[in-house]
Amino acid sequence: KSILDVEGNYLTSEKSNIGFVRFIAMVSNCIEYLSHKYGLSFYEVIKECSKELIKKGFS
């Protein structure tokens, strides 16, 4: 978080807003990369990642 300057209240600081946009762009690029690598749709990658996060959260 601190590398991307995402800390703090997102709506009060331009720096925090830019960091948040960078973070979202990075996540989007990772999902796009995985979708091309595994031949899945963007939605399917998100769905599979959500399943894994839920499993990890309840383990």
N, C-alpha and C. Protein backbone atom coordinates (compact mmCIF):
# COMPACT_ATOMS: atom_id res chain seq x y z
N LYS A 1 0.81 -1.20 0.00
CA LYS A 1 0.00 0.00 0.00
C LYS A 1 0.85 1.26 0.00
N SER A 2 1.87 1.30 0.81
CA SER A 2 2.64 2.53 0.93
C SER A 2 3.43 2.82 -0.34
N ILE A 3 3.85 1.80 -1.08
CA ILE A 3 4.58 2.02 -2.33
C ILE A 3 3.69 2.73 -3.34
N LEU A 4 2.41 2.38 -3.34
CA LEU A 4 1.47 2.96 -4.30
C LEU A 4 0.80 4.23 -3.79
N ASP A 5 1.13 4.67 -2.58
CA ASP A 5 0.52 5.85 -1.97
C ASP A 5 -0.99 5.74 -1.88
N VAL A 6 -1.46 4.59 -1.41
CA VAL A 6 -2.90 4.33 -1.31
C VAL A 6 -3.40 4.56 0.11
N GLU A 7 -2.56 4.96 1.01
CA GLU A 7 -2.95 5.11 2.40
C GLU A 7 -3.82 6.33 2.61
N GLY A 8 -4.60 6.29 3.66
CA GLY A 8 -5.40 7.45 4.02
C GLY A 8 -6.79 7.43 3.44
N ASN A 9 -7.47 8.54 3.60
CA ASN A 9 -8.82 8.70 3.10
C ASN A 9 -8.77 9.00 1.61
N TYR A 10 -9.38 8.16 0.80
CA TYR A 10 -9.26 8.25 -0.65
C TYR A 10 -9.88 9.51 -1.25
N LEU A 11 -10.82 10.09 -0.56
CA LEU A 11 -11.54 11.21 -1.17
C LEU A 11 -11.00 12.58 -0.75
N THR A 12 -10.00 12.61 0.10
CA THR A 12 -9.52 13.91 0.58
C THR A 12 -8.17 14.31 0.01
N SER A 13 -7.46 13.39 -0.60
CA SER A 13 -6.12 13.69 -1.06
C SER A 13 -5.94 13.28 -2.52
N GLU A 14 -5.41 14.19 -3.32
CA GLU A 14 -5.16 13.86 -4.72
C GLU A 14 -4.12 12.74 -4.82
N LYS A 15 -3.13 12.77 -3.94
CA LYS A 15 -2.09 11.74 -3.94
C LYS A 15 -2.69 10.37 -3.64
N SER A 16 -3.60 10.30 -2.69
CA SER A 16 -4.26 9.03 -2.37
C SER A 16 -5.12 8.56 -3.53
N ASN A 17 -5.81 9.48 -4.19
CA ASN A 17 -6.65 9.11 -5.33
C ASN A 17 -5.81 8.55 -6.47
N ILE A 18 -4.66 9.17 -6.74
CA ILE A 18 -3.78 8.69 -7.80
C ILE A 18 -3.24 7.31 -7.43
N GLY A 19 -2.88 7.12 -6.17
CA GLY A 19 -2.42 5.81 -5.72
C GLY A 19 -3.49 4.74 -5.87
N PHE A 20 -4.72 5.10 -5.56
CA PHE A 20 -5.83 4.16 -5.70
C PHE A 20 -6.03 3.77 -7.16
N VAL A 21 -5.95 4.74 -8.06
CA VAL A 21 -6.09 4.47 -9.50
C VAL A 21 -4.95 3.57 -9.97
N ARG A 22 -3.74 3.81 -9.49
CA ARG A 22 -2.61 2.95 -9.83
C ARG A 22 -2.85 1.52 -9.36
N PHE A 23 -3.35 1.38 -8.15
CA PHE A 23 -3.63 0.06 -7.60
C PHE A 23 -4.68 -0.67 -8.44
N ILE A 24 -5.76 0.01 -8.78
CA ILE A 24 -6.82 -0.60 -9.58
C ILE A 24 -6.30 -0.98 -10.97
N ALA A 25 -5.47 -0.14 -11.57
CA ALA A 25 -4.89 -0.44 -12.88
C ALA A 25 -3.99 -1.67 -12.79
N MET A 26 -3.22 -1.78 -11.71
CA MET A 26 -2.34 -2.92 -11.53
C MET A 26 -3.16 -4.21 -11.40
N VAL A 27 -4.21 -4.17 -10.61
CA VAL A 27 -5.07 -5.34 -10.44
C VAL A 27 -5.73 -5.72 -11.77
N SER A 28 -6.20 -4.72 -12.50
CA SER A 28 -6.83 -4.98 -13.79
C SER A 28 -5.84 -5.61 -14.77
N ASN A 29 -4.61 -5.11 -14.79
CA ASN A 29 -3.59 -5.66 -15.67
C ASN A 29 -3.25 -7.10 -15.30
N CYS A 30 -3.19 -7.40 -14.02
CA CYS A 30 -2.91 -8.77 -13.58
C CYS A 30 -4.03 -9.71 -14.00
N ILE A 31 -5.26 -9.27 -13.84
CA ILE A 31 -6.40 -10.10 -14.24
C ILE A 31 -6.40 -10.31 -15.75
N GLU A 32 -6.09 -9.26 -16.50
CA GLU A 32 -6.02 -9.37 -17.96
C GLU A 32 -4.93 -10.35 -18.38
N TYR A 33 -3.77 -10.26 -17.72
CA TYR A 33 -2.66 -11.18 -18.01
C TYR A 33 -3.07 -12.63 -17.75
N LEU A 34 -3.69 -12.87 -16.58
CA LEU A 34 -4.12 -14.23 -16.25
C LEU A 34 -5.18 -14.74 -17.22
N SER A 35 -6.06 -13.87 -17.66
CA SER A 35 -7.10 -14.31 -18.59
C SER A 35 -6.49 -14.75 -19.93
N HIS A 36 -5.47 -14.04 -20.38
CA HIS A 36 -4.80 -14.44 -21.64
C HIS A 36 -3.96 -15.69 -21.43
N LYS A 37 -3.29 -15.79 -20.28
CA LYS A 37 -2.42 -16.93 -20.00
C LYS A 37 -3.20 -18.24 -19.92
N TYR A 38 -4.36 -18.20 -19.28
CA TYR A 38 -5.14 -19.41 -19.08
C TYR A 38 -6.34 -19.55 -20.02
N GLY A 39 -6.52 -18.61 -20.91
CA GLY A 39 -7.61 -18.70 -21.88
C GLY A 39 -8.99 -18.55 -21.27
N LEU A 40 -9.07 -17.79 -20.19
CA LEU A 40 -10.34 -17.55 -19.52
C LEU A 40 -10.81 -16.13 -19.80
N SER A 41 -12.08 -15.89 -19.58
CA SER A 41 -12.59 -14.53 -19.70
C SER A 41 -12.20 -13.74 -18.45
N PHE A 42 -12.26 -12.43 -18.55
CA PHE A 42 -11.96 -11.54 -17.43
C PHE A 42 -12.84 -11.92 -16.24
N TYR A 43 -14.12 -12.13 -16.49
CA TYR A 43 -15.07 -12.49 -15.43
C TYR A 43 -14.71 -13.82 -14.78
N GLU A 44 -14.31 -14.81 -15.59
CA GLU A 44 -13.96 -16.13 -15.05
C GLU A 44 -12.74 -16.05 -14.13
N VAL A 45 -11.76 -15.22 -14.49
CA VAL A 45 -10.58 -15.04 -13.64
C VAL A 45 -10.99 -14.43 -12.31
N ILE A 46 -11.83 -13.40 -12.35
CA ILE A 46 -12.29 -12.76 -11.12
C ILE A 46 -13.05 -13.77 -10.25
N LYS A 47 -13.90 -14.56 -10.87
CA LYS A 47 -14.68 -15.56 -10.13
C LYS A 47 -13.77 -16.58 -9.46
N GLU A 48 -12.76 -17.07 -10.18
CA GLU A 48 -11.84 -18.05 -9.61
C GLU A 48 -10.99 -17.43 -8.49
N CYS A 49 -10.54 -16.21 -8.69
CA CYS A 49 -9.77 -15.53 -7.64
C CYS A 49 -10.63 -15.32 -6.39
N SER A 50 -11.89 -14.97 -6.58
CA SER A 50 -12.80 -14.79 -5.45
C SER A 50 -12.98 -16.09 -4.67
N LYS A 51 -13.12 -17.19 -5.40
CA LYS A 51 -13.26 -18.49 -4.73
C LYS A 51 -12.03 -18.79 -3.88
N GLU A 52 -10.84 -18.53 -4.44
CA GLU A 52 -9.60 -18.81 -3.71
C GLU A 52 -9.47 -17.91 -2.48
N LEU A 53 -9.82 -16.65 -2.62
CA LEU A 53 -9.75 -15.73 -1.49
C LEU A 53 -10.71 -16.14 -0.38
N ILE A 54 -11.89 -16.60 -0.76
CA ILE A 54 -12.87 -17.07 0.23
C ILE A 54 -12.34 -18.29 0.94
N LYS A 55 -11.75 -19.23 0.18
CA LYS A 55 -11.16 -20.44 0.79
C LYS A 55 -10.07 -20.05 1.79
N LYS A 56 -9.20 -19.16 1.41
CA LYS A 56 -8.09 -18.75 2.27
C LYS A 56 -8.60 -18.01 3.51
N GLY A 57 -9.68 -17.26 3.34
CA GLY A 57 -10.22 -16.50 4.45
C GLY A 57 -10.87 -17.36 5.51
N PHE A 58 -11.39 -18.51 5.12
CA PHE A 58 -12.09 -19.37 6.06
C PHE A 58 -11.27 -20.58 6.48
N SER A 59 -10.02 -20.66 6.05
CA SER A 59 -9.16 -21.81 6.42
C SER A 59 -8.51 -21.62 7.75
